[in-house]
Amino acid sequence: MPEHDPAELPTAEQWIARFAAAAGGDPPSAEQFERLLALAAVAAHSSQRVAAPIACWIAGREGLEIDQALRIAESLSRSGASSR
C-alpha cells in the first residue's frame, strides 16, 4: 500500500461518506458514527483489536440496531465471555 501524507488524506467522515456512496447507501449520522465507535471500542477492549470491525460487520449483516449490538457487546464484556 502506498504511503500518503496524512495532511492529504480525507477525514474518516469524508472517507466513510465516499465509501457509503460507492456502496449505494448513506453514511451514518453523527450519532450513529459515535455509537458504532462505542461498539468497536467494547469489542476491541474485550478481546483482540481485530474483534472491532468484525463485530460491526456481524451487527450489520444480522440487521441489528447499533444500540442492540452495543448492549450485546457490553453484556459479553461484563460476563467475561470468552471462547479461550
C-alpha atoms as a PDB file:
ATOM      1  CA  MET A   1       0.000   0.000   0.000  1.00  0.00           C
ATOM      2  CA  PRO A   2       1.482   3.383  -0.948  1.00  0.00           C
ATOM      3  CA  GLU A   3       2.433   5.828   1.780  1.00  0.00           C
ATOM      4  CA  HIS A   4       0.435   9.050   1.937  1.00  0.00           C
ATOM      5  CA  ASP A   5       0.992  12.349   3.635  1.00  0.00           C
ATOM      6  CA  PRO A   6      -1.645  12.403   6.437  1.00  0.00           C
ATOM      7  CA  ALA A   7      -2.450  16.008   5.521  1.00  0.00           C
ATOM      8  CA  GLU A   8      -3.564  14.807   2.074  1.00  0.00           C
ATOM      9  CA  LEU A   9      -5.822  12.037   3.357  1.00  0.00           C
ATOM     10  CA  PRO A  10      -9.576  12.538   3.709  1.00  0.00           C
ATOM     11  CA  THR A  11     -11.030  12.616   7.200  1.00  0.00           C
ATOM     12  CA  ALA A  12     -12.695   9.450   8.454  1.00  0.00           C
ATOM     13  CA  GLU A  13     -16.088  11.055   7.892  1.00  0.00           C
ATOM     14  CA  GLN A  14     -15.181  12.013   4.314  1.00  0.00           C
ATOM     15  CA  TRP A  15     -13.871   8.533   3.526  1.00  0.00           C
ATOM     16  CA  ILE A  16     -16.946   6.863   5.070  1.00  0.00           C
ATOM     17  CA  ALA A  17     -19.255   9.138   3.056  1.00  0.00           C
ATOM     18  CA  ARG A  18     -17.409   8.218  -0.152  1.00  0.00           C
ATOM     19  CA  PHE A  19     -17.491   4.517   0.754  1.00  0.00           C
ATOM     20  CA  ALA A  20     -21.215   4.676   1.540  1.00  0.00           C
ATOM     21  CA  ALA A  21     -21.945   6.425  -1.763  1.00  0.00           C
ATOM     22  CA  ALA A  22     -19.880   3.862  -3.698  1.00  0.00           C
ATOM     23  CA  ALA A  23     -21.783   1.079  -1.921  1.00  0.00           C
ATOM     24  CA  GLY A  24     -25.098   2.683  -2.862  1.00  0.00           C
ATOM     25  CA  GLY A  25     -26.034   3.838   0.623  1.00  0.00           C
ATOM     26  CA  ASP A  26     -25.864   6.701   3.048  1.00  0.00           C
ATOM     27  CA  PRO A  27     -23.179   7.314   5.655  1.00  0.00           C
ATOM     28  CA  PRO A  28     -24.111   7.000   9.326  1.00  0.00           C
ATOM     29  CA  SER A  29     -25.355  10.074  11.143  1.00  0.00           C
ATOM     30  CA  ALA A  30     -23.018  11.705  13.653  1.00  0.00           C
ATOM     31  CA  GLU A  31     -24.847   9.899  16.465  1.00  0.00           C
ATOM     32  CA  GLN A  32     -24.675   6.546  14.650  1.00  0.00           C
ATOM     33  CA  PHE A  33     -20.979   7.146  13.959  1.00  0.00           C
ATOM     34  CA  GLU A  34     -20.320   7.647  17.691  1.00  0.00           C
ATOM     35  CA  ARG A  35     -22.394   4.571  18.666  1.00  0.00           C
ATOM     36  CA  LEU A  36     -20.524   2.430  16.108  1.00  0.00           C
ATOM     37  CA  LEU A  37     -17.237   3.634  17.560  1.00  0.00           C
ATOM     38  CA  ALA A  38     -18.529   2.686  21.015  1.00  0.00           C
ATOM     39  CA  LEU A  39     -19.403  -0.809  19.754  1.00  0.00           C
ATOM     40  CA  ALA A  40     -15.972  -1.145  18.177  1.00  0.00           C
ATOM     41  CA  ALA A  41     -14.305   0.048  21.395  1.00  0.00           C
ATOM     42  CA  VAL A  42     -16.131  -2.512  23.546  1.00  0.00           C
ATOM     43  CA  ALA A  43     -15.198  -5.307  21.133  1.00  0.00           C
ATOM     44  CA  ALA A  44     -11.566  -4.186  20.867  1.00  0.00           C
ATOM     45  CA  HIS A  45     -11.090  -3.752  24.610  1.00  0.00           C
ATOM     46  CA  SER A  46     -12.840  -7.021  25.487  1.00  0.00           C
ATOM     47  CA  SER A  47     -10.787  -9.118  23.089  1.00  0.00           C
ATOM     48  CA  GLN A  48      -8.203  -8.572  20.420  1.00  0.00           C
ATOM     49  CA  ARG A  49      -8.442  -5.362  18.403  1.00  0.00           C
ATOM     50  CA  VAL A  50      -9.486  -7.234  15.271  1.00  0.00           C
ATOM     51  CA  ALA A  51     -12.791  -8.018  17.002  1.00  0.00           C
ATOM     52  CA  ALA A  52     -13.915  -4.405  16.480  1.00  0.00           C
ATOM     53  CA  PRO A  53     -14.511  -4.355  12.712  1.00  0.00           C
ATOM     54  CA  ILE A  54     -15.812  -7.912  12.681  1.00  0.00           C
ATOM     55  CA  ALA A  55     -18.330  -7.178  15.460  1.00  0.00           C
ATOM     56  CA  CYS A  56     -19.594  -4.195  13.450  1.00  0.00           C
ATOM     57  CA  TRP A  57     -19.811  -6.348  10.322  1.00  0.00           C
ATOM     58  CA  ILE A  58     -21.793  -9.047  12.173  1.00  0.00           C
ATOM     59  CA  ALA A  59     -24.152  -6.429  13.588  1.00  0.00           C
ATOM     60  CA  GLY A  60     -24.781  -5.066  10.099  1.00  0.00           C
ATOM     61  CA  ARG A  61     -25.123  -8.472   8.490  1.00  0.00           C
ATOM     62  CA  GLU A  62     -27.644  -9.549  11.117  1.00  0.00           C
ATOM     63  CA  GLY A  63     -29.596  -6.305  10.822  1.00  0.00           C
ATOM     64  CA  LEU A  64     -29.089  -5.315  14.458  1.00  0.00           C
ATOM     65  CA  GLU A  65     -29.725  -1.768  15.565  1.00  0.00           C
ATOM     66  CA  ILE A  66     -26.491  -0.198  16.803  1.00  0.00           C
ATOM     67  CA  ASP A  67     -27.733   0.109  20.396  1.00  0.00           C
ATOM     68  CA  GLN A  68     -28.827  -3.545  20.386  1.00  0.00           C
ATOM     69  CA  ALA A  69     -25.403  -4.629  19.160  1.00  0.00           C
ATOM     70  CA  LEU A  70     -23.738  -2.411  21.781  1.00  0.00           C
ATOM     71  CA  ARG A  71     -25.852  -3.972  24.561  1.00  0.00           C
ATOM     72  CA  ILE A  72     -24.842  -7.456  23.398  1.00  0.00           C
ATOM     73  CA  ALA A  73     -21.163  -6.483  23.299  1.00  0.00           C
ATOM     74  CA  GLU A  74     -21.327  -4.850  26.738  1.00  0.00           C
ATOM     75  CA  SER A  75     -23.072  -7.931  28.132  1.00  0.00           C
ATOM     76  CA  LEU A  76     -20.328 -10.169  26.784  1.00  0.00           C
ATOM     77  CA  SER A  77     -17.688  -7.825  28.152  1.00  0.00           C
ATOM     78  CA  ARG A  78     -19.254  -7.769  31.639  1.00  0.00           C
ATOM     79  CA  SER A  79     -19.632 -11.544  31.728  1.00  0.00           C
ATOM     80  CA  GLY A  80     -16.055 -12.051  30.621  1.00  0.00           C
ATOM     81  CA  ALA A  81     -17.367 -14.298  27.844  1.00  0.00           C
ATOM     82  CA  SER A  82     -14.537 -15.916  26.010  1.00  0.00           C
ATOM     83  CA  SER A  83     -14.015 -18.995  23.936  1.00  0.00           C
ATOM     84  CA  ARG A  84     -10.418 -19.390  25.060  1.00  0.00           C
END
